[in-house]
């Protein structure tokens, strides 16, 4: 057995660490998203109403900075956790193996877009802080608010790009992970869940593009629910990695 194997089934130490990273990332990203000012808990507002949305960021600037930072760290951990699966046994062989690798690459690319948008969110918060500072000149405060709104629109465009990418990544990762399990269990169900989340996200995105009669806020809520369920699927996967499941091994799984 390889010297770098951590137990009898050959699960690599980095895969187990990656599992812990995935679980922590899911908890952090969900916490940051739910506690985000203007979100579902803290002074909710229609996120498609940009002026109201950035106003909440200014009103709760401290919390907005903290939750944004938490999500940034969580997404970095999530990228690391998923990347540790890149060199698993069978990855790169056959369609499921290739799907897993391509899904990992696509996921990290999509999360990279999301990370850039989070950096822009920090800038929006800072600009709104300046616009609400009574010590600033009235003209400067108005200018800061205008810049914040412009930056927020650009941030939304990046989020839209992420929403377009993640369904494909989710389907590919789900196919790759579910195929590694010969029996039905929670981990295989998590893989199937990622596939369904990807399909649902793709349909939701197409509806948002072509059906004008549905509220964008409704579609955004649907998208957030899909992402939350997908995060739970990743948490289950991370738990399996941490437990040292033989399917997350560089060596041939023992059936």
C-alpha atoms as a PDB file:
ATOM      1  CA  UNK A   1       0.000   0.000   0.000  1.00  0.00           C
ATOM      2  CA  UNK A   2       1.177   3.504  -0.723  1.00  0.00           C
ATOM      3  CA  UNK A   3       3.010   5.222   2.122  1.00  0.00           C
ATOM      4  CA  UNK A   4       0.685   8.194   1.798  1.00  0.00           C
ATOM      5  CA  UNK A   5      -2.447   6.136   2.426  1.00  0.00           C
ATOM      6  CA  UNK A   6      -4.088   6.968   5.721  1.00  0.00           C
ATOM      7  CA  UNK A   7      -5.971   3.704   6.332  1.00  0.00           C
ATOM      8  CA  UNK A   8      -6.624   0.213   4.985  1.00  0.00           C
ATOM      9  CA  UNK A   9      -8.757   1.349   2.079  1.00  0.00           C
ATOM     10  CA  UNK A  10      -6.200   3.798   0.730  1.00  0.00           C
ATOM     11  CA  UNK A  11      -8.066   7.032   1.362  1.00  0.00           C
ATOM     12  CA  UNK A  12      -5.525   9.817   1.074  1.00  0.00           C
ATOM     13  CA  UNK A  13      -4.983  12.158   4.022  1.00  0.00           C
ATOM     14  CA  UNK A  14      -5.698  15.205   1.860  1.00  0.00           C
ATOM     15  CA  UNK A  15      -9.053  13.731   0.854  1.00  0.00           C
ATOM     16  CA  UNK A  16     -10.040  13.427   4.516  1.00  0.00           C
ATOM     17  CA  UNK A  17      -8.875  16.995   5.155  1.00  0.00           C
ATOM     18  CA  UNK A  18     -10.816  18.041   2.063  1.00  0.00           C
ATOM     19  CA  UNK A  19     -13.924  16.432   3.527  1.00  0.00           C
ATOM     20  CA  UNK A  20     -13.577  18.507   6.683  1.00  0.00           C
ATOM     21  CA  UNK A  21     -13.052  21.609   4.530  1.00  0.00           C
ATOM     22  CA  UNK A  22     -16.234  20.862   2.564  1.00  0.00           C
ATOM     23  CA  UNK A  23     -18.324  20.463   5.714  1.00  0.00           C
ATOM     24  CA  UNK A  24     -16.969  23.665   7.271  1.00  0.00           C
ATOM     25  CA  UNK A  25     -17.467  25.492   3.962  1.00  0.00           C
ATOM     26  CA  UNK A  26     -21.115  24.481   3.713  1.00  0.00           C
ATOM     27  CA  UNK A  27     -21.839  25.623   7.269  1.00  0.00           C
ATOM     28  CA  UNK A  28     -20.018  28.918   6.684  1.00  0.00           C
ATOM     29  CA  UNK A  29     -21.609  29.681   3.322  1.00  0.00           C
ATOM     30  CA  UNK A  30     -25.143  28.930   4.524  1.00  0.00           C
ATOM     31  CA  UNK A  31     -24.653  30.951   7.716  1.00  0.00           C
ATOM     32  CA  UNK A  32     -23.232  33.931   5.825  1.00  0.00           C
ATOM     33  CA  UNK A  33     -25.976  33.803   3.203  1.00  0.00           C
ATOM     34  CA  UNK A  34     -28.848  33.589   5.699  1.00  0.00           C
ATOM     35  CA  UNK A  35     -27.496  36.385   7.929  1.00  0.00           C
ATOM     36  CA  UNK A  36     -26.666  38.696   5.024  1.00  0.00           C
ATOM     37  CA  UNK A  37     -28.385  42.117   5.456  1.00  0.00           C
ATOM     38  CA  UNK A  38     -31.465  42.258   3.270  1.00  0.00           C
ATOM     39  CA  UNK A  39     -31.513  38.469   3.058  1.00  0.00           C
ATOM     40  CA  UNK A  40     -34.107  36.062   4.450  1.00  0.00           C
ATOM     41  CA  UNK A  41     -33.494  36.881   8.142  1.00  0.00           C
ATOM     42  CA  UNK A  42     -31.968  40.338   8.651  1.00  0.00           C
ATOM     43  CA  UNK A  43     -34.360  43.066   7.460  1.00  0.00           C
ATOM     44  CA  UNK A  44     -35.432  41.224   4.262  1.00  0.00           C
ATOM     45  CA  UNK A  45     -35.740  43.168   1.023  1.00  0.00           C
ATOM     46  CA  UNK A  46     -36.359  42.308  -2.631  1.00  0.00           C
ATOM     47  CA  UNK A  47     -32.810  41.723  -3.883  1.00  0.00           C
ATOM     48  CA  UNK A  48     -33.852  42.630  -7.423  1.00  0.00           C
ATOM     49  CA  UNK A  49     -34.615  46.146  -6.168  1.00  0.00           C
ATOM     50  CA  UNK A  50     -31.014  47.322  -6.242  1.00  0.00           C
ATOM     51  CA  UNK A  51     -31.461  50.717  -4.502  1.00  0.00           C
ATOM     52  CA  UNK A  52     -33.171  49.057  -1.527  1.00  0.00           C
ATOM     53  CA  UNK A  53     -30.622  46.232  -1.488  1.00  0.00           C
ATOM     54  CA  UNK A  54     -27.605  48.538  -1.268  1.00  0.00           C
ATOM     55  CA  UNK A  55     -29.390  50.654   1.337  1.00  0.00           C
ATOM     56  CA  UNK A  56     -29.500  47.601   3.615  1.00  0.00           C
ATOM     57  CA  UNK A  57     -25.766  47.135   3.102  1.00  0.00           C
ATOM     58  CA  UNK A  58     -25.147  50.650   4.315  1.00  0.00           C
ATOM     59  CA  UNK A  59     -27.489  50.324   7.272  1.00  0.00           C
ATOM     60  CA  UNK A  60     -25.863  47.080   8.459  1.00  0.00           C
ATOM     61  CA  UNK A  61     -22.378  47.646   7.069  1.00  0.00           C
ATOM     62  CA  UNK A  62     -20.554  45.816   9.872  1.00  0.00           C
ATOM     63  CA  UNK A  63     -22.658  42.677   9.538  1.00  0.00           C
ATOM     64  CA  UNK A  64     -22.478  42.908   5.743  1.00  0.00           C
ATOM     65  CA  UNK A  65     -18.659  42.956   5.796  1.00  0.00           C
ATOM     66  CA  UNK A  66     -18.508  40.041   8.247  1.00  0.00           C
ATOM     67  CA  UNK A  67     -20.965  37.799   6.404  1.00  0.00           C
ATOM     68  CA  UNK A  68     -19.302  38.538   3.066  1.00  0.00           C
ATOM     69  CA  UNK A  69     -15.890  37.629   4.480  1.00  0.00           C
ATOM     70  CA  UNK A  70     -17.291  34.421   5.970  1.00  0.00           C
ATOM     71  CA  UNK A  71     -18.695  33.384   2.590  1.00  0.00           C
ATOM     72  CA  UNK A  72     -15.395  34.219   0.845  1.00  0.00           C
ATOM     73  CA  UNK A  73     -13.464  31.969   3.242  1.00  0.00           C
ATOM     74  CA  UNK A  74     -16.126  29.275   2.873  1.00  0.00           C
ATOM     75  CA  UNK A  75     -15.902  29.308  -0.925  1.00  0.00           C
ATOM     76  CA  UNK A  76     -12.108  28.988  -0.770  1.00  0.00           C
ATOM     77  CA  UNK A  77     -12.455  25.987   1.557  1.00  0.00           C
ATOM     78  CA  UNK A  78     -15.123  24.511  -0.712  1.00  0.00           C
ATOM     79  CA  UNK A  79     -12.842  24.824  -3.733  1.00  0.00           C
ATOM     80  CA  UNK A  80     -10.005  23.123  -1.855  1.00  0.00           C
ATOM     81  CA  UNK A  81     -12.264  20.359  -0.573  1.00  0.00           C
ATOM     82  CA  UNK A  82     -13.630  19.484  -4.004  1.00  0.00           C
ATOM     83  CA  UNK A  83     -10.201  19.732  -5.646  1.00  0.00           C
ATOM     84  CA  UNK A  84      -8.854  16.967  -3.381  1.00  0.00           C
ATOM     85  CA  UNK A  85     -11.111  14.575  -5.325  1.00  0.00           C
ATOM     86  CA  UNK A  86      -9.437  15.381  -8.639  1.00  0.00           C
ATOM     87  CA  UNK A  87      -6.959  12.479  -8.592  1.00  0.00           C
ATOM     88  CA  UNK A  88      -9.194   9.748  -7.198  1.00  0.00           C
ATOM     89  CA  UNK A  89      -9.039   6.242  -8.605  1.00  0.00           C
ATOM     90  CA  UNK A  90     -10.820   6.113 -11.935  1.00  0.00           C
ATOM     91  CA  UNK A  91     -10.961   9.886 -12.415  1.00  0.00           C
ATOM     92  CA  UNK A  92     -10.159  10.590 -16.030  1.00  0.00           C
ATOM     93  CA  UNK A  93     -11.288   7.085 -17.089  1.00  0.00           C
ATOM     94  CA  UNK A  94     -14.642   6.631 -18.762  1.00  0.00           C
ATOM     95  CA  UNK A  95     -17.408   9.180 -18.871  1.00  0.00           C
ATOM     96  CA  UNK A  96     -18.085   9.336 -15.079  1.00  0.00           C
ATOM     97  CA  UNK A  97     -14.403   9.875 -14.330  1.00  0.00           C
ATOM     98  CA  UNK A  98     -14.062  12.570 -16.959  1.00  0.00           C
ATOM     99  CA  UNK A  99     -17.318  14.143 -15.792  1.00  0.00           C
ATOM    100  CA  UNK A 100     -15.989  14.355 -12.229  1.00  0.00           C
ATOM    101  CA  UNK A 101     -12.776  16.055 -13.309  1.00  0.00           C
ATOM    102  CA  UNK A 102     -14.508  18.466 -15.666  1.00  0.00           C
ATOM    103  CA  UNK A 103     -17.138  19.154 -13.015  1.00  0.00           C
ATOM    104  CA  UNK A 104     -14.466  19.993 -10.446  1.00  0.00           C
ATOM    105  CA  UNK A 105     -12.755  22.398 -12.851  1.00  0.00           C
ATOM    106  CA  UNK A 106     -16.061  23.998 -13.845  1.00  0.00           C
ATOM    107  CA  UNK A 107     -17.159  24.295 -10.209  1.00  0.00           C
ATOM    108  CA  UNK A 108     -13.966  26.079  -9.200  1.00  0.00           C
ATOM    109  CA  UNK A 109     -14.306  28.395 -12.199  1.00  0.00           C
ATOM    110  CA  UNK A 110     -17.893  29.239 -11.225  1.00  0.00           C
ATOM    111  CA  UNK A 111     -16.953  29.762  -7.599  1.00  0.00           C
ATOM    112  CA  UNK A 112     -14.158  32.026  -8.807  1.00  0.00           C
ATOM    113  CA  UNK A 113     -16.751  34.233 -10.499  1.00  0.00           C
ATOM    114  CA  UNK A 114     -18.726  34.233  -7.263  1.00  0.00           C
ATOM    115  CA  UNK A 115     -15.621  35.190  -5.264  1.00  0.00           C
ATOM    116  CA  UNK A 116     -14.971  38.172  -7.538  1.00  0.00           C
ATOM    117  CA  UNK A 117     -18.569  39.309  -7.023  1.00  0.00           C
ATOM    118  CA  UNK A 118     -18.092  39.030  -3.249  1.00  0.00           C
ATOM    119  CA  UNK A 119     -15.035  41.256  -3.489  1.00  0.00           C
ATOM    120  CA  UNK A 120     -17.166  43.777  -5.347  1.00  0.00           C
ATOM    121  CA  UNK A 121     -19.778  43.489  -2.593  1.00  0.00           C
ATOM    122  CA  UNK A 122     -17.161  44.671  -0.090  1.00  0.00           C
ATOM    123  CA  UNK A 123     -16.646  47.714  -2.314  1.00  0.00           C
ATOM    124  CA  UNK A 124     -20.395  48.376  -2.464  1.00  0.00           C
ATOM    125  CA  UNK A 125     -20.588  48.225   1.330  1.00  0.00           C
ATOM    126  CA  UNK A 126     -17.683  50.665   1.672  1.00  0.00           C
ATOM    127  CA  UNK A 127     -19.249  53.102  -0.783  1.00  0.00           C
ATOM    128  CA  UNK A 128     -22.580  52.948   1.052  1.00  0.00           C
ATOM    129  CA  UNK A 129     -20.785  53.594   4.335  1.00  0.00           C
ATOM    130  CA  UNK A 130     -19.337  56.744   2.789  1.00  0.00           C
ATOM    131  CA  UNK A 131     -22.705  57.779   1.364  1.00  0.00           C
ATOM    132  CA  UNK A 132     -24.354  57.503   4.791  1.00  0.00           C
ATOM    133  CA  UNK A 133     -21.638  59.358   6.667  1.00  0.00           C
ATOM    134  CA  UNK A 134     -23.115  62.732   7.741  1.00  0.00           C
ATOM    135  CA  UNK A 135     -19.599  64.157   7.990  1.00  0.00           C
ATOM    136  CA  UNK A 136     -19.180  63.892   4.216  1.00  0.00           C
ATOM    137  CA  UNK A 137     -20.317  66.631   1.843  1.00  0.00           C
ATOM    138  CA  UNK A 138     -23.778  66.160   0.356  1.00  0.00           C
ATOM    139  CA  UNK A 139     -22.409  66.056  -3.191  1.00  0.00           C
ATOM    140  CA  UNK A 140     -19.823  63.421  -2.248  1.00  0.00           C
ATOM    141  CA  UNK A 141     -22.427  61.304  -0.472  1.00  0.00           C
ATOM    142  CA  UNK A 142     -24.645  61.331  -3.558  1.00  0.00           C
ATOM    143  CA  UNK A 143     -21.666  60.424  -5.727  1.00  0.00           C
ATOM    144  CA  UNK A 144     -20.732  57.505  -3.445  1.00  0.00           C
ATOM    145  CA  UNK A 145     -24.285  56.149  -3.568  1.00  0.00           C
ATOM    146  CA  UNK A 146     -24.309  56.369  -7.360  1.00  0.00           C
ATOM    147  CA  UNK A 147     -20.997  54.506  -7.560  1.00  0.00           C
ATOM    148  CA  UNK A 148     -22.320  51.881  -5.142  1.00  0.00           C
ATOM    149  CA  UNK A 149     -25.372  51.296  -7.326  1.00  0.00           C
ATOM    150  CA  UNK A 150     -23.233  50.984 -10.459  1.00  0.00           C
ATOM    151  CA  UNK A 151     -20.874  48.533  -8.759  1.00  0.00           C
ATOM    152  CA  UNK A 152     -23.829  46.540  -7.451  1.00  0.00           C
ATOM    153  CA  UNK A 153     -25.211  46.170 -10.979  1.00  0.00           C
ATOM    154  CA  UNK A 154     -21.816  44.931 -12.193  1.00  0.00           C
ATOM    155  CA  UNK A 155     -21.707  42.531  -9.247  1.00  0.00           C
ATOM    156  CA  UNK A 156     -25.135  41.208 -10.228  1.00  0.00           C
ATOM    157  CA  UNK A 157     -23.826  40.513 -13.736  1.00  0.00           C
ATOM    158  CA  UNK A 158     -21.068  38.335 -12.274  1.00  0.00           C
ATOM    159  CA  UNK A 159     -23.617  36.529 -10.129  1.00  0.00           C
ATOM    160  CA  UNK A 160     -25.668  35.882 -13.251  1.00  0.00           C
ATOM    161  CA  UNK A 161     -22.590  34.352 -14.893  1.00  0.00           C
ATOM    162  CA  UNK A 162     -22.155  32.101 -11.854  1.00  0.00           C
ATOM    163  CA  UNK A 163     -25.821  31.079 -12.003  1.00  0.00           C
ATOM    164  CA  UNK A 164     -25.320  30.133 -15.661  1.00  0.00           C
ATOM    165  CA  UNK A 165     -22.252  27.987 -14.902  1.00  0.00           C
ATOM    166  CA  UNK A 166     -23.087  26.144 -11.686  1.00  0.00           C
ATOM    167  CA  UNK A 167     -25.895  23.909 -13.080  1.00  0.00           C
ATOM    168  CA  UNK A 168     -23.475  22.348 -15.564  1.00  0.00           C
ATOM    169  CA  UNK A 169     -20.828  21.885 -12.879  1.00  0.00           C
ATOM    170  CA  UNK A 170     -23.345  20.358 -10.475  1.00  0.00           C
ATOM    171  CA  UNK A 171     -24.575  17.810 -13.024  1.00  0.00           C
ATOM    172  CA  UNK A 172     -21.026  16.758 -13.944  1.00  0.00           C
ATOM    173  CA  UNK A 173     -19.854  16.395 -10.342  1.00  0.00           C
ATOM    174  CA  UNK A 174     -23.037  14.537  -9.426  1.00  0.00           C
ATOM    175  CA  UNK A 175     -22.582  12.054 -12.281  1.00  0.00           C
ATOM    176  CA  UNK A 176     -18.949  11.490 -11.357  1.00  0.00           C
ATOM    177  CA  UNK A 177     -19.619  10.977  -7.649  1.00  0.00           C
ATOM    178  CA  UNK A 178     -22.749   8.824  -7.894  1.00  0.00           C
ATOM    179  CA  UNK A 179     -21.034   6.438 -10.328  1.00  0.00           C
ATOM    180  CA  UNK A 180     -18.384   5.623  -7.718  1.00  0.00           C
ATOM    181  CA  UNK A 181     -20.910   3.841  -5.482  1.00  0.00           C
ATOM    182  CA  UNK A 182     -22.151   0.357  -6.374  1.00  0.00           C
ATOM    183  CA  UNK A 183     -24.892   0.375  -3.726  1.00  0.00           C
ATOM    184  CA  UNK A 184     -27.573   2.917  -2.909  1.00  0.00           C
ATOM    185  CA  UNK A 185     -26.620   4.952   0.164  1.00  0.00           C
ATOM    186  CA  UNK A 186     -26.597   8.539   1.402  1.00  0.00           C
ATOM    187  CA  UNK A 187     -23.461   9.362  -0.585  1.00  0.00           C
ATOM    188  CA  UNK A 188     -24.841   8.065  -3.861  1.00  0.00           C
ATOM    189  CA  UNK A 189     -28.086   9.924  -3.170  1.00  0.00           C
ATOM    190  CA  UNK A 190     -26.022  13.079  -2.628  1.00  0.00           C
ATOM    191  CA  UNK A 191     -24.525  12.567  -6.091  1.00  0.00           C
ATOM    192  CA  UNK A 192     -27.964  12.140  -7.618  1.00  0.00           C
ATOM    193  CA  UNK A 193     -29.056  15.209  -5.683  1.00  0.00           C
ATOM    194  CA  UNK A 194     -26.325  17.287  -7.298  1.00  0.00           C
ATOM    195  CA  UNK A 195     -27.488  16.124 -10.727  1.00  0.00           C
ATOM    196  CA  UNK A 196     -31.087  17.103  -9.959  1.00  0.00           C
ATOM    197  CA  UNK A 197     -29.980  20.446  -8.511  1.00  0.00           C
ATOM    198  CA  UNK A 198     -28.054  21.141 -11.706  1.00  0.00           C
ATOM    199  CA  UNK A 199     -31.041  20.285 -13.892  1.00  0.00           C
ATOM    200  CA  UNK A 200     -33.312  22.411 -11.710  1.00  0.00           C
ATOM    201  CA  UNK A 201     -30.872  25.312 -11.790  1.00  0.00           C
ATOM    202  CA  UNK A 202     -30.649  25.133 -15.583  1.00  0.00           C
ATOM    203  CA  UNK A 203     -34.440  25.140 -15.939  1.00  0.00           C
ATOM    204  CA  UNK A 204     -34.764  28.020 -13.480  1.00  0.00           C
ATOM    205  CA  UNK A 205     -32.156  30.030 -15.395  1.00  0.00           C
ATOM    206  CA  UNK A 206     -33.920  29.438 -18.710  1.00  0.00           C
ATOM    207  CA  UNK A 207     -37.268  30.468 -17.214  1.00  0.00           C
ATOM    208  CA  UNK A 208     -35.664  33.664 -15.918  1.00  0.00           C
ATOM    209  CA  UNK A 209     -34.355  34.407 -19.409  1.00  0.00           C
ATOM    210  CA  UNK A 210     -37.472  33.667 -21.445  1.00  0.00           C
ATOM    211  CA  UNK A 211     -40.595  33.884 -19.239  1.00  0.00           C
ATOM    212  CA  UNK A 212     -41.192  37.533 -18.422  1.00  0.00           C
ATOM    213  CA  UNK A 213     -44.406  37.016 -16.452  1.00  0.00           C
ATOM    214  CA  UNK A 214     -42.671  35.480 -13.426  1.00  0.00           C
ATOM    215  CA  UNK A 215     -41.197  37.730 -10.742  1.00  0.00           C
ATOM    216  CA  UNK A 216     -37.403  37.788 -10.777  1.00  0.00           C
ATOM    217  CA  UNK A 217     -37.466  37.718  -6.991  1.00  0.00           C
ATOM    218  CA  UNK A 218     -39.342  34.404  -7.125  1.00  0.00           C
ATOM    219  CA  UNK A 219     -36.751  32.953  -9.482  1.00  0.00           C
ATOM    220  CA  UNK A 220     -33.948  34.238  -7.250  1.00  0.00           C
ATOM    221  CA  UNK A 221     -35.509  32.593  -4.192  1.00  0.00           C
ATOM    222  CA  UNK A 222     -35.861  29.339  -6.145  1.00  0.00           C
ATOM    223  CA  UNK A 223     -32.223  29.539  -7.165  1.00  0.00           C
ATOM    224  CA  UNK A 224     -31.121  30.124  -3.564  1.00  0.00           C
ATOM    225  CA  UNK A 225     -33.158  27.138  -2.386  1.00  0.00           C
ATOM    226  CA  UNK A 226     -31.538  24.943  -5.033  1.00  0.00           C
ATOM    227  CA  UNK A 227     -28.081  26.121  -3.982  1.00  0.00           C
ATOM    228  CA  UNK A 228     -28.908  25.410  -0.328  1.00  0.00           C
ATOM    229  CA  UNK A 229     -29.966  21.839  -1.106  1.00  0.00           C
ATOM    230  CA  UNK A 230     -26.847  21.429  -3.248  1.00  0.00           C
ATOM    231  CA  UNK A 231     -24.758  22.608  -0.302  1.00  0.00           C
ATOM    232  CA  UNK A 232     -26.299  19.876   1.860  1.00  0.00           C
ATOM    233  CA  UNK A 233     -25.348  17.310  -0.794  1.00  0.00           C
ATOM    234  CA  UNK A 234     -21.768  18.582  -0.672  1.00  0.00           C
ATOM    235  CA  UNK A 235     -21.836  18.336   3.129  1.00  0.00           C
ATOM    236  CA  UNK A 236     -22.842  14.664   2.886  1.00  0.00           C
ATOM    237  CA  UNK A 237     -20.042  14.092   0.377  1.00  0.00           C
ATOM    238  CA  UNK A 238     -17.579  15.820   2.678  1.00  0.00           C
ATOM    239  CA  UNK A 239     -18.680  13.600   5.551  1.00  0.00           C
ATOM    240  CA  UNK A 240     -18.022  10.513   3.443  1.00  0.00           C
ATOM    241  CA  UNK A 241     -14.570  11.823   2.562  1.00  0.00           C
ATOM    242  CA  UNK A 242     -13.829  12.465   6.233  1.00  0.00           C
ATOM    243  CA  UNK A 243     -15.018   8.978   7.219  1.00  0.00           C
ATOM    244  CA  UNK A 244     -12.574   7.462   4.739  1.00  0.00           C
ATOM    245  CA  UNK A 245     -15.086   5.796   2.430  1.00  0.00           C
ATOM    246  CA  UNK A 246     -13.302   3.437   0.058  1.00  0.00           C
ATOM    247  CA  UNK A 247     -15.005   5.127  -2.904  1.00  0.00           C
ATOM    248  CA  UNK A 248     -12.899   8.203  -2.152  1.00  0.00           C
ATOM    249  CA  UNK A 249      -9.712   6.205  -2.636  1.00  0.00           C
ATOM    250  CA  UNK A 250      -6.864   6.311  -5.105  1.00  0.00           C
ATOM    251  CA  UNK A 251      -6.933   2.514  -5.127  1.00  0.00           C
ATOM    252  CA  UNK A 252      -9.511   0.136  -6.540  1.00  0.00           C
ATOM    253  CA  UNK A 253     -12.664   0.162  -4.382  1.00  0.00           C
ATOM    254  CA  UNK A 254     -13.326  -3.145  -2.578  1.00  0.00           C
ATOM    255  CA  UNK A 255     -16.887  -4.251  -3.431  1.00  0.00           C
END
